[in-house]
Amino acid sequence: MTKISEAKLTKGKIIPQLIKLTLPMILGMLGMVIFNLTDTYFIGKLGANQLAALSFTFPVVLIINSFTQGIGIGTTSIISKYIGARKNNKVKKIATDSLILGLIISVLVFILGSLTIRPLFSILGASGVILNYIEEYMTIWYFGSFMVVIPMIGNNIIRSLGDTKIPGLIMGLSALINVILDPMLIFGYGPLPILGIKGAAIATVLARAITTLTAISILYFRENIIYFSKFKLKDTFKSWKQIIYIGIPNSLVQMALPLSSAIITKILATYGPNVVAGFGVATKIEFFAMSFIMALNSVIGPFIGQNLGSKLFKRVNKGLKFGELFSLITGFILAIILSTFAKNIAALFNQNPEVIKTVTSYLLIVSFTYGLQGILKIDSTILNVLNKPIQAALLIFSQTFLIYLPLALVGSHLIGVSGIFIALSISYLISGFLAHLIVQKNFNLYKKNSLKKVS
């Protein structure tokens, strides 16, 4: 069993340690992106209508995932600081109560989601046969929502302990199972029937079921971190209050992207289903590209949290600077690669000229601000650990609703589809610089207040 009191992330050389933590998560993140790209690839073989249907589901699935991820990150922020402060009982209590909260969330998602499929996606602009395909897919996805929610929270708990290998393996295992099951269930290999887009949804649920069992087993048997002895509802409510204080604003932060994506999808729907399909492909390629930066983002929170809990402020500052520099360098490399091979990458998913044109335009314009997008995400995570979730939420909402969407409406009117993508780049450019300044200010203030308490 892992000794929680060790607070492993408070010792050792910082940059090698962060790289060591990030590498398994890169594989895990790539696995999850491959998971999504596999669905996109095989559903794209069914036709443009099925691909457009999947693109319509993407913002809604992201909103649910984002809410869950917000709860997970809130849990990580609290647990990592308790580990740094050597408060082991509180670590176990928060971990257990966060999983109970996740179970409640998954039940609500199933009930509310199943009842609102057709009206919700009609509002987003779907109609006719595309709406039918969406209903086939989301009916199954909502049924298996428990398998999406629990491992997200579980993996965040494991990462907060300083273990990134297991979460990386869990995510990679999920992707592998999905890669195997997708073509079998979509196209009906051997004795299996041809299920089409339903098959992709079933493959997703089955793959997630394996990862759910794995994550729960690790937390219960190896880490011994889940326990229900001396259970008191009053204490559980206190835990939920702590989690929700950071988790809800952070969930709103996480939701900003899919919410804006839903609005942009509705705008793009006026240009036709092929443009919507192209946008869906482009955003999934972006998820693949950004997985390197997001892998670091997934470990920077536990690292900062454990060191804040131990009041090791020099380590916090060095970790913060490394995260931002890593994002800028990685973002630049990605931009060069994607802008050079944009058309070839787009053609892998669909041969429709309009789909390829949309994907290519997106990658040529947006990829050069990936570094600043990464800084925005990393610094938002750090703000949550610094117990400033409201500022993190305001930062992301400003990027999305005060800069991106207004400029996208103007850009769409003046330039067309490219104008929407230019607006996104401008929003990342401005908000990335703002994020850097805000985090520096709040870290210095946190450090000053902590030193005052000690003296």
Protein backbone atom coordinates (compact mmCIF):
# COMPACT_ATOMS: atom_id res chain seq x y z
CA MET A 1 0.00 0.00 0.00
CA THR A 2 1.24 3.51 -0.82
CA LYS A 3 2.25 5.53 2.22
CA ILE A 4 0.27 8.71 1.80
CA SER A 5 2.39 10.54 4.38
CA GLU A 6 5.44 10.34 2.09
CA ALA A 7 4.24 13.30 -0.04
CA LYS A 8 6.49 12.09 -2.86
CA LEU A 9 6.25 15.23 -4.99
CA THR A 10 7.95 17.40 -2.36
CA LYS A 11 11.35 15.77 -2.91
CA GLY A 12 13.82 15.39 -5.76
CA LYS A 13 14.89 17.52 -8.72
CA ILE A 14 11.87 19.41 -10.01
CA ILE A 15 12.19 19.35 -13.81
CA PRO A 16 13.18 15.65 -14.08
CA GLN A 17 10.38 14.83 -11.63
CA LEU A 18 7.76 16.72 -13.66
CA ILE A 19 8.98 15.12 -16.88
CA LYS A 20 8.86 11.68 -15.25
CA LEU A 21 5.31 12.33 -14.07
CA THR A 22 4.24 13.74 -17.43
CA LEU A 23 5.51 10.92 -19.69
CA PRO A 24 3.00 8.27 -18.55
CA MET A 25 0.22 10.86 -18.81
CA ILE A 26 1.26 11.71 -22.37
CA LEU A 27 0.67 8.07 -23.26
CA GLY A 28 -2.61 8.15 -21.36
CA MET A 29 -3.76 11.38 -22.98
CA LEU A 30 -2.76 10.12 -26.42
CA GLY A 31 -4.72 6.98 -25.63
CA MET A 32 -7.85 8.98 -24.84
CA VAL A 33 -7.44 11.12 -27.94
CA ILE A 34 -6.96 7.96 -30.02
CA PHE A 35 -10.14 6.73 -28.32
CA ASN A 36 -12.05 9.72 -29.76
CA LEU A 37 -10.25 9.74 -33.09
CA THR A 38 -11.05 6.05 -33.54
CA ASP A 39 -14.75 6.84 -33.27
CA THR A 40 -14.31 9.73 -35.72
CA TYR A 41 -12.32 7.61 -38.17
CA PHE A 42 -14.68 4.62 -38.33
CA ILE A 43 -17.89 6.66 -38.18
CA GLY A 44 -16.47 8.80 -40.98
CA LYS A 45 -16.40 5.62 -43.10
CA LEU A 46 -20.17 5.34 -42.65
CA GLY A 47 -20.79 8.73 -44.31
CA ALA A 48 -20.88 12.51 -43.81
CA ASN A 49 -24.29 12.40 -42.06
CA GLN A 50 -23.07 9.99 -39.38
CA LEU A 51 -19.89 12.06 -38.96
CA ALA A 52 -21.96 15.23 -38.61
CA ALA A 53 -24.12 13.47 -36.00
CA LEU A 54 -21.03 12.59 -33.97
CA SER A 55 -19.83 16.21 -34.27
CA PHE A 56 -23.16 17.42 -32.85
CA THR A 57 -22.75 15.11 -29.83
CA PHE A 58 -19.23 16.31 -29.15
CA PRO A 59 -20.10 19.56 -27.28
CA VAL A 60 -22.72 17.84 -25.10
CA VAL A 61 -20.40 14.96 -24.20
CA LEU A 62 -17.68 17.51 -23.44
CA ILE A 63 -19.98 19.47 -21.13
CA ILE A 64 -20.71 16.34 -19.08
CA ASN A 65 -17.07 15.29 -19.09
CA SER A 66 -16.04 18.81 -18.13
CA PHE A 67 -18.39 18.90 -15.14
CA THR A 68 -17.02 15.58 -13.93
CA GLN A 69 -13.44 16.66 -14.58
CA GLY A 70 -14.09 19.81 -12.58
CA ILE A 71 -15.15 17.72 -9.59
CA GLY A 72 -12.06 15.54 -10.10
CA ILE A 73 -9.71 18.51 -10.24
CA GLY A 74 -11.36 20.04 -7.19
CA THR A 75 -10.78 16.75 -5.38
CA THR A 76 -7.14 16.67 -6.50
CA SER A 77 -6.54 20.24 -5.34
CA ILE A 78 -7.76 19.40 -1.83
CA ILE A 79 -6.17 15.96 -1.53
CA SER A 80 -2.73 17.05 -2.77
CA LYS A 81 -2.51 19.81 -0.15
CA TYR A 82 -3.67 17.42 2.60
CA ILE A 83 -0.95 14.99 1.50
CA GLY A 84 1.65 17.76 1.69
CA ALA A 85 0.40 18.62 5.17
CA ARG A 86 0.40 14.90 6.18
CA LYS A 87 -3.33 14.80 7.02
CA ASN A 88 -3.99 11.22 5.92
CA ASN A 89 -7.47 10.74 7.39
CA LYS A 90 -8.73 13.79 5.52
CA VAL A 91 -7.19 12.43 2.31
CA LYS A 92 -9.22 9.23 2.63
CA LYS A 93 -12.40 11.07 3.56
CA ILE A 94 -12.26 13.45 0.59
CA ALA A 95 -11.42 10.62 -1.81
CA THR A 96 -14.35 8.45 -0.69
CA ASP A 97 -16.87 11.27 -0.65
CA SER A 98 -15.83 12.50 -4.10
CA LEU A 99 -16.63 9.07 -5.57
CA ILE A 100 -20.06 9.07 -3.89
CA LEU A 101 -20.66 12.50 -5.43
CA GLY A 102 -19.61 11.09 -8.81
CA LEU A 103 -22.15 8.29 -8.50
CA ILE A 104 -24.94 10.79 -7.84
CA ILE A 105 -23.84 12.87 -10.85
CA SER A 106 -23.90 9.84 -13.17
CA VAL A 107 -27.48 8.96 -12.13
CA LEU A 108 -28.62 12.52 -12.85
CA VAL A 109 -26.85 12.52 -16.23
CA PHE A 110 -28.61 9.31 -17.24
CA ILE A 111 -32.08 10.50 -16.25
CA LEU A 112 -31.91 14.07 -17.55
CA GLY A 113 -29.89 13.23 -20.65
CA SER A 114 -32.17 10.42 -21.80
CA LEU A 115 -35.25 12.66 -21.52
CA THR A 116 -33.82 15.57 -23.52
CA ILE A 117 -31.99 14.09 -26.52
CA ARG A 118 -34.22 15.25 -29.39
CA PRO A 119 -35.19 18.71 -28.05
CA LEU A 120 -31.61 19.54 -27.01
CA PHE A 121 -29.95 18.58 -30.27
CA SER A 122 -32.74 20.22 -32.28
CA ILE A 123 -31.84 23.47 -30.52
CA LEU A 124 -28.20 22.91 -31.54
CA GLY A 125 -29.28 22.74 -35.19
CA ALA A 126 -29.57 18.99 -35.85
CA SER A 127 -32.53 17.72 -37.89
CA GLY A 128 -33.78 14.87 -40.07
CA VAL A 129 -31.65 11.76 -40.39
CA ILE A 130 -28.77 13.38 -38.48
CA LEU A 131 -31.02 13.80 -35.43
CA ASN A 132 -31.97 10.11 -35.69
CA TYR A 133 -28.31 9.10 -35.67
CA ILE A 134 -27.68 11.33 -32.65
CA GLU A 135 -30.53 9.65 -30.74
CA GLU A 136 -29.13 6.19 -31.52
CA TYR A 137 -25.71 7.17 -30.21
CA MET A 138 -26.62 9.23 -27.13
CA THR A 139 -29.27 6.81 -25.80
CA ILE A 140 -26.51 4.24 -25.27
CA TRP A 141 -23.92 6.81 -24.14
CA TYR A 142 -26.19 8.19 -21.41
CA PHE A 143 -26.94 4.66 -20.18
CA GLY A 144 -23.21 4.08 -19.67
CA SER A 145 -22.46 7.51 -18.18
CA PHE A 146 -21.46 5.90 -14.85
CA MET A 147 -18.54 4.33 -16.72
CA VAL A 148 -17.38 7.79 -17.81
CA VAL A 149 -17.81 9.69 -14.53
CA ILE A 150 -16.23 7.34 -11.97
CA PRO A 151 -12.86 6.67 -13.67
CA MET A 152 -12.39 10.41 -14.30
CA ILE A 153 -12.65 11.16 -10.60
CA GLY A 154 -10.73 8.01 -9.66
CA ASN A 155 -7.80 8.82 -11.94
CA ASN A 156 -7.57 12.32 -10.47
CA ILE A 157 -7.36 10.84 -6.98
CA ILE A 158 -4.58 8.45 -8.01
CA ARG A 159 -2.64 11.32 -9.63
CA SER A 160 -2.95 13.43 -6.48
CA LEU A 161 -1.02 10.68 -4.66
CA GLY A 162 1.88 11.22 -7.06
CA ASP A 163 1.19 8.17 -9.24
CA THR A 164 0.76 8.90 -12.95
CA LYS A 165 1.69 5.47 -14.29
CA ILE A 166 -1.57 3.79 -13.26
CA PRO A 167 -3.85 6.56 -14.61
CA GLY A 168 -1.83 6.52 -17.85
CA LEU A 169 -2.20 2.76 -18.15
CA ILE A 170 -5.93 2.93 -17.41
CA MET A 171 -6.46 5.54 -20.12
CA GLY A 172 -4.32 3.59 -22.58
CA LEU A 173 -6.20 0.35 -21.82
CA SER A 174 -9.50 2.08 -22.50
CA ALA A 175 -8.26 3.32 -25.88
CA LEU A 176 -6.95 -0.12 -26.86
CA ILE A 177 -10.27 -1.81 -26.08
CA ASN A 178 -12.14 0.85 -28.04
CA VAL A 179 -9.84 0.47 -31.06
CA ILE A 180 -10.56 -3.28 -31.08
CA LEU A 181 -14.31 -3.06 -30.49
CA ASP A 182 -15.16 -0.09 -32.72
CA PRO A 183 -14.76 -1.74 -36.15
CA MET A 184 -16.17 -5.04 -34.89
CA LEU A 185 -19.40 -3.47 -33.63
CA ILE A 186 -19.79 -0.71 -36.24
CA PHE A 187 -19.26 -2.93 -39.31
CA GLY A 188 -20.29 -6.30 -37.86
CA TYR A 189 -17.21 -8.52 -38.13
CA GLY A 190 -17.77 -12.28 -37.99
CA PRO A 191 -21.01 -13.28 -36.25
CA LEU A 192 -21.59 -9.75 -34.93
CA PRO A 193 -24.41 -7.71 -36.52
CA ILE A 194 -23.76 -4.40 -38.31
CA LEU A 195 -24.68 -1.77 -35.71
CA GLY A 196 -23.39 1.40 -37.35
CA ILE A 197 -23.21 4.43 -35.06
CA LYS A 198 -24.83 2.38 -32.25
CA GLY A 199 -21.79 0.11 -32.33
CA ALA A 200 -19.47 3.05 -31.61
CA ALA A 201 -21.53 3.97 -28.54
CA ILE A 202 -21.55 0.36 -27.26
CA ALA A 203 -17.78 0.09 -27.78
CA THR A 204 -17.31 3.28 -25.76
CA VAL A 205 -19.39 2.01 -22.84
CA LEU A 206 -17.68 -1.39 -22.75
CA ALA A 207 -14.20 0.16 -22.91
CA ARG A 208 -15.05 2.56 -20.10
CA ALA A 209 -16.49 -0.27 -17.99
CA ILE A 210 -13.09 -1.98 -17.90
CA THR A 211 -11.37 1.22 -16.81
CA THR A 212 -13.98 1.83 -14.12
CA LEU A 213 -13.35 -1.57 -12.56
CA THR A 214 -9.58 -1.04 -12.78
CA ALA A 215 -9.62 2.41 -11.13
CA ILE A 216 -11.92 1.33 -8.28
CA SER A 217 -9.83 -1.79 -7.66
CA ILE A 218 -6.60 0.25 -7.44
CA LEU A 219 -8.12 2.76 -5.02
CA TYR A 220 -9.75 0.14 -2.81
CA PHE A 221 -7.23 -2.71 -2.73
CA ARG A 222 -3.82 -1.15 -3.44
CA GLU A 223 -4.18 2.36 -2.05
CA ASN A 224 -6.72 1.45 0.66
CA ILE A 225 -8.09 4.95 0.23
CA ILE A 226 -11.81 4.15 -0.05
CA TYR A 227 -13.52 3.45 3.25
CA PHE A 228 -17.01 3.75 4.68
CA SER A 229 -16.45 3.06 8.37
CA LYS A 230 -17.78 5.73 10.74
CA PHE A 231 -19.80 7.16 7.85
CA LYS A 232 -21.66 10.33 8.82
CA LEU A 233 -23.81 12.19 6.32
CA LYS A 234 -22.98 15.50 8.02
CA ASP A 235 -19.25 14.94 7.48
CA THR A 236 -19.88 13.90 3.88
CA PHE A 237 -21.74 17.15 3.25
CA LYS A 238 -18.72 19.02 4.62
CA SER A 239 -16.48 17.16 2.19
CA TRP A 240 -18.81 17.93 -0.70
CA LYS A 241 -18.80 21.59 0.29
CA GLN A 242 -15.00 21.65 0.03
CA ILE A 243 -15.00 19.80 -3.27
CA ILE A 244 -17.81 21.88 -4.75
CA TYR A 245 -16.20 25.18 -3.72
CA ILE A 246 -13.32 24.44 -6.09
CA GLY A 247 -15.08 21.88 -8.28
CA ILE A 248 -18.11 23.88 -9.45
CA PRO A 249 -16.21 26.96 -10.66
CA ASN A 250 -13.68 24.63 -12.20
CA SER A 251 -16.48 22.65 -13.83
CA LEU A 252 -17.72 25.91 -15.32
CA VAL A 253 -14.18 26.55 -16.51
CA GLN A 254 -14.06 23.12 -18.11
CA MET A 255 -17.49 23.67 -19.66
CA ALA A 256 -16.53 26.92 -21.35
CA LEU A 257 -14.91 25.09 -24.28
CA PRO A 258 -17.82 22.74 -25.07
CA LEU A 259 -20.38 25.50 -24.49
CA SER A 260 -18.60 27.75 -26.94
CA SER A 261 -18.15 24.76 -29.23
CA ALA A 262 -21.92 24.18 -29.15
CA ILE A 263 -22.58 27.82 -30.07
CA ILE A 264 -19.94 27.76 -32.80
CA THR A 265 -21.39 24.48 -34.10
CA LYS A 266 -24.77 26.18 -34.42
CA ILE A 267 -23.18 29.06 -36.35
CA LEU A 268 -21.27 26.64 -38.59
CA ALA A 269 -24.46 24.64 -39.20
CA THR A 270 -25.62 27.56 -41.38
CA TYR A 271 -22.72 26.74 -43.74
CA GLY A 272 -23.85 23.10 -44.10
CA PRO A 273 -23.23 19.68 -42.48
CA ASN A 274 -19.85 19.22 -44.18
CA VAL A 275 -18.46 22.30 -42.44
CA VAL A 276 -19.82 21.01 -39.11
CA ALA A 277 -18.16 17.66 -39.78
CA GLY A 278 -14.88 19.38 -40.62
CA PHE A 279 -15.00 21.42 -37.43
CA GLY A 280 -15.62 18.26 -35.41
CA VAL A 281 -12.62 16.56 -37.01
CA ALA A 282 -10.41 19.62 -36.50
CA THR A 283 -11.21 19.92 -32.79
CA LYS A 284 -10.42 16.24 -32.25
CA ILE A 285 -7.09 16.63 -34.06
CA GLU A 286 -6.46 19.58 -31.75
CA PHE A 287 -7.20 17.38 -28.73
CA PHE A 288 -4.59 14.96 -30.04
CA ALA A 289 -2.03 17.73 -30.52
CA MET A 290 -2.73 19.36 -27.16
CA SER A 291 -2.46 16.05 -25.31
CA PHE A 292 1.26 16.70 -24.68
CA ILE A 293 0.52 19.97 -22.90
CA MET A 294 -2.58 18.59 -21.18
CA ALA A 295 -0.51 15.70 -19.82
CA LEU A 296 1.68 18.19 -17.97
CA ASN A 297 -1.43 20.09 -16.90
CA SER A 298 -2.80 16.91 -15.29
CA VAL A 299 0.27 16.54 -13.06
CA ILE A 300 1.06 20.20 -12.33
CA GLY A 301 -1.92 20.45 -9.95
CA PRO A 302 -0.81 17.60 -7.63
CA PHE A 303 2.80 18.85 -7.77
CA ILE A 304 1.85 22.42 -6.85
CA GLY A 305 -0.64 21.21 -4.22
CA GLN A 306 1.75 18.90 -2.35
CA ASN A 307 4.47 21.56 -2.30
CA LEU A 308 2.08 24.29 -1.18
CA GLY A 309 0.90 21.98 1.62
CA SER A 310 4.54 21.56 2.68
CA LYS A 311 5.22 25.31 2.19
CA LEU A 312 8.01 24.66 -0.33
CA PHE A 313 7.48 27.84 -2.31
CA LYS A 314 10.73 27.74 -4.32
CA ARG A 315 9.69 24.38 -5.74
CA VAL A 316 6.24 25.76 -6.57
CA ASN A 317 7.71 28.76 -8.42
CA LYS A 318 10.12 26.63 -10.43
CA GLY A 319 7.37 24.18 -11.35
CA LEU A 320 5.13 27.03 -12.48
CA LYS A 321 7.83 28.52 -14.73
CA PHE A 322 8.65 25.12 -16.24
CA GLY A 323 4.98 24.50 -17.05
CA GLU A 324 4.62 27.75 -18.99
CA LEU A 325 7.89 27.32 -20.89
CA PHE A 326 7.04 23.71 -21.79
CA SER A 327 3.69 24.88 -23.15
CA LEU A 328 5.22 27.58 -25.37
CA ILE A 329 7.89 25.32 -26.85
CA THR A 330 5.55 22.38 -27.40
CA GLY A 331 2.88 24.63 -28.90
CA PHE A 332 5.34 26.07 -31.43
CA ILE A 333 6.52 22.63 -32.54
CA LEU A 334 2.92 21.44 -32.94
CA ALA A 335 2.03 24.50 -35.00
CA ILE A 336 4.87 23.86 -37.47
CA ILE A 337 3.90 20.20 -37.90
CA LEU A 338 0.14 20.76 -38.22
CA SER A 339 0.37 23.72 -40.56
CA THR A 340 2.74 21.79 -42.84
CA PHE A 341 0.65 18.62 -43.09
CA ALA A 342 -2.86 20.03 -42.53
CA LYS A 343 -4.42 18.76 -45.79
CA ASN A 344 -2.89 15.30 -45.47
CA ILE A 345 -4.10 14.94 -41.90
CA ALA A 346 -7.61 16.09 -42.81
CA ALA A 347 -7.83 13.59 -45.69
CA LEU A 348 -7.27 10.70 -43.28
CA PHE A 349 -10.73 11.23 -41.80
CA ASN A 350 -12.91 12.14 -44.78
CA GLN A 351 -12.44 12.71 -48.51
CA ASN A 352 -15.14 15.37 -48.87
CA PRO A 353 -13.43 18.54 -50.23
CA GLU A 354 -15.42 20.85 -47.96
CA VAL A 355 -14.54 18.81 -44.86
CA ILE A 356 -10.85 18.89 -45.83
CA LYS A 357 -10.98 22.64 -46.49
CA THR A 358 -12.54 23.34 -43.06
CA VAL A 359 -10.02 21.17 -41.19
CA THR A 360 -7.09 22.71 -43.06
CA SER A 361 -8.26 26.28 -42.40
CA TYR A 362 -8.68 25.58 -38.68
CA LEU A 363 -5.24 24.04 -38.26
CA LEU A 364 -3.44 26.75 -40.26
CA ILE A 365 -5.00 29.54 -38.20
CA VAL A 366 -5.46 28.21 -34.65
CA SER A 367 -2.40 25.99 -34.14
CA PHE A 368 0.00 28.94 -33.74
CA THR A 369 -1.69 29.90 -30.46
CA TYR A 370 -1.57 26.41 -28.92
CA GLY A 371 1.28 27.48 -26.61
CA LEU A 372 -0.77 30.30 -25.12
CA GLN A 373 -3.82 28.04 -24.93
CA GLY A 374 -1.67 25.68 -22.87
CA ILE A 375 -0.56 28.49 -20.54
CA LEU A 376 -4.21 29.44 -20.05
CA LYS A 377 -5.12 25.87 -19.04
CA ILE A 378 -2.06 25.27 -16.84
CA ASP A 379 -2.43 28.58 -15.03
CA SER A 380 -6.16 27.97 -14.50
CA THR A 381 -5.28 24.67 -12.80
CA ILE A 382 -2.74 26.44 -10.59
CA LEU A 383 -5.32 29.07 -9.60
CA ASN A 384 -7.60 26.29 -8.38
CA VAL A 385 -4.82 24.84 -6.24
CA LEU A 386 -4.15 28.34 -4.89
CA ASN A 387 -7.80 28.28 -3.77
CA LYS A 388 -8.81 30.90 -6.33
CA PRO A 389 -11.41 28.98 -8.37
CA ILE A 390 -13.52 32.08 -9.05
CA GLN A 391 -10.60 33.86 -10.69
CA ALA A 392 -9.87 30.76 -12.78
CA ALA A 393 -13.49 30.65 -13.91
CA LEU A 394 -13.57 34.37 -14.74
CA LEU A 395 -10.37 34.03 -16.75
CA ILE A 396 -11.73 31.24 -18.94
CA PHE A 397 -15.16 32.82 -19.28
CA SER A 398 -13.57 36.09 -20.36
CA GLN A 399 -11.61 34.25 -23.04
CA THR A 400 -14.70 32.45 -24.26
CA PHE A 401 -17.65 34.78 -23.85
CA LEU A 402 -16.10 38.25 -23.84
CA ILE A 403 -13.47 37.74 -26.54
CA TYR A 404 -13.97 34.59 -28.64
CA LEU A 405 -17.72 34.46 -29.27
CA PRO A 406 -18.28 38.18 -29.99
CA LEU A 407 -15.28 38.22 -32.35
CA ALA A 408 -16.48 34.95 -33.95
CA LEU A 409 -19.86 36.49 -34.77
CA VAL A 410 -18.17 39.51 -36.34
CA GLY A 411 -15.60 37.34 -38.12
CA SER A 412 -18.26 35.02 -39.51
CA HIS A 413 -20.16 37.98 -40.90
CA LEU A 414 -17.11 39.67 -42.44
CA ILE A 415 -14.90 36.76 -43.56
CA GLY A 416 -16.90 33.55 -43.17
CA VAL A 417 -15.67 30.33 -41.57
CA SER A 418 -12.04 31.55 -41.38
CA GLY A 419 -13.18 34.58 -39.40
CA ILE A 420 -14.45 32.29 -36.63
CA PHE A 421 -11.08 30.56 -36.41
CA ILE A 422 -9.17 33.87 -36.37
CA ALA A 423 -11.35 34.99 -33.44
CA LEU A 424 -10.35 31.87 -31.48
CA SER A 425 -6.64 32.56 -32.04
CA ILE A 426 -7.00 36.17 -30.87
CA SER A 427 -8.82 35.02 -27.71
CA TYR A 428 -6.00 32.62 -26.79
CA LEU A 429 -3.36 35.27 -27.45
CA ILE A 430 -4.95 37.78 -25.07
CA SER A 431 -6.05 35.37 -22.33
CA GLY A 432 -2.73 33.48 -22.24
CA PHE A 433 -0.86 36.65 -21.30
CA LEU A 434 -3.52 37.60 -18.74
CA ALA A 435 -3.34 34.14 -17.14
CA HIS A 436 0.42 34.48 -16.60
CA LEU A 437 0.05 37.83 -14.85
CA ILE A 438 -2.86 36.71 -12.65
CA VAL A 439 -1.12 33.51 -11.47
CA GLN A 440 2.08 35.36 -10.59
CA LYS A 441 0.11 37.89 -8.53
CA ASN A 442 -1.89 35.24 -6.66
CA PHE A 443 1.12 33.00 -5.98
CA ASN A 444 3.07 35.90 -4.46
CA LEU A 445 0.05 36.80 -2.31
CA TYR A 446 -0.43 33.17 -1.15
CA LYS A 447 3.27 32.93 -0.27
CA LYS A 448 3.17 36.22 1.65
CA ASN A 449 0.10 35.23 3.67
CA SER A 450 1.52 31.77 4.48
CA LEU A 451 4.80 33.24 5.74
CA LYS A 452 2.88 35.69 7.91
CA LYS A 453 0.99 32.82 9.58
CA VAL A 454 4.25 31.01 10.31
CA SER A 455 5.85 34.10 11.85
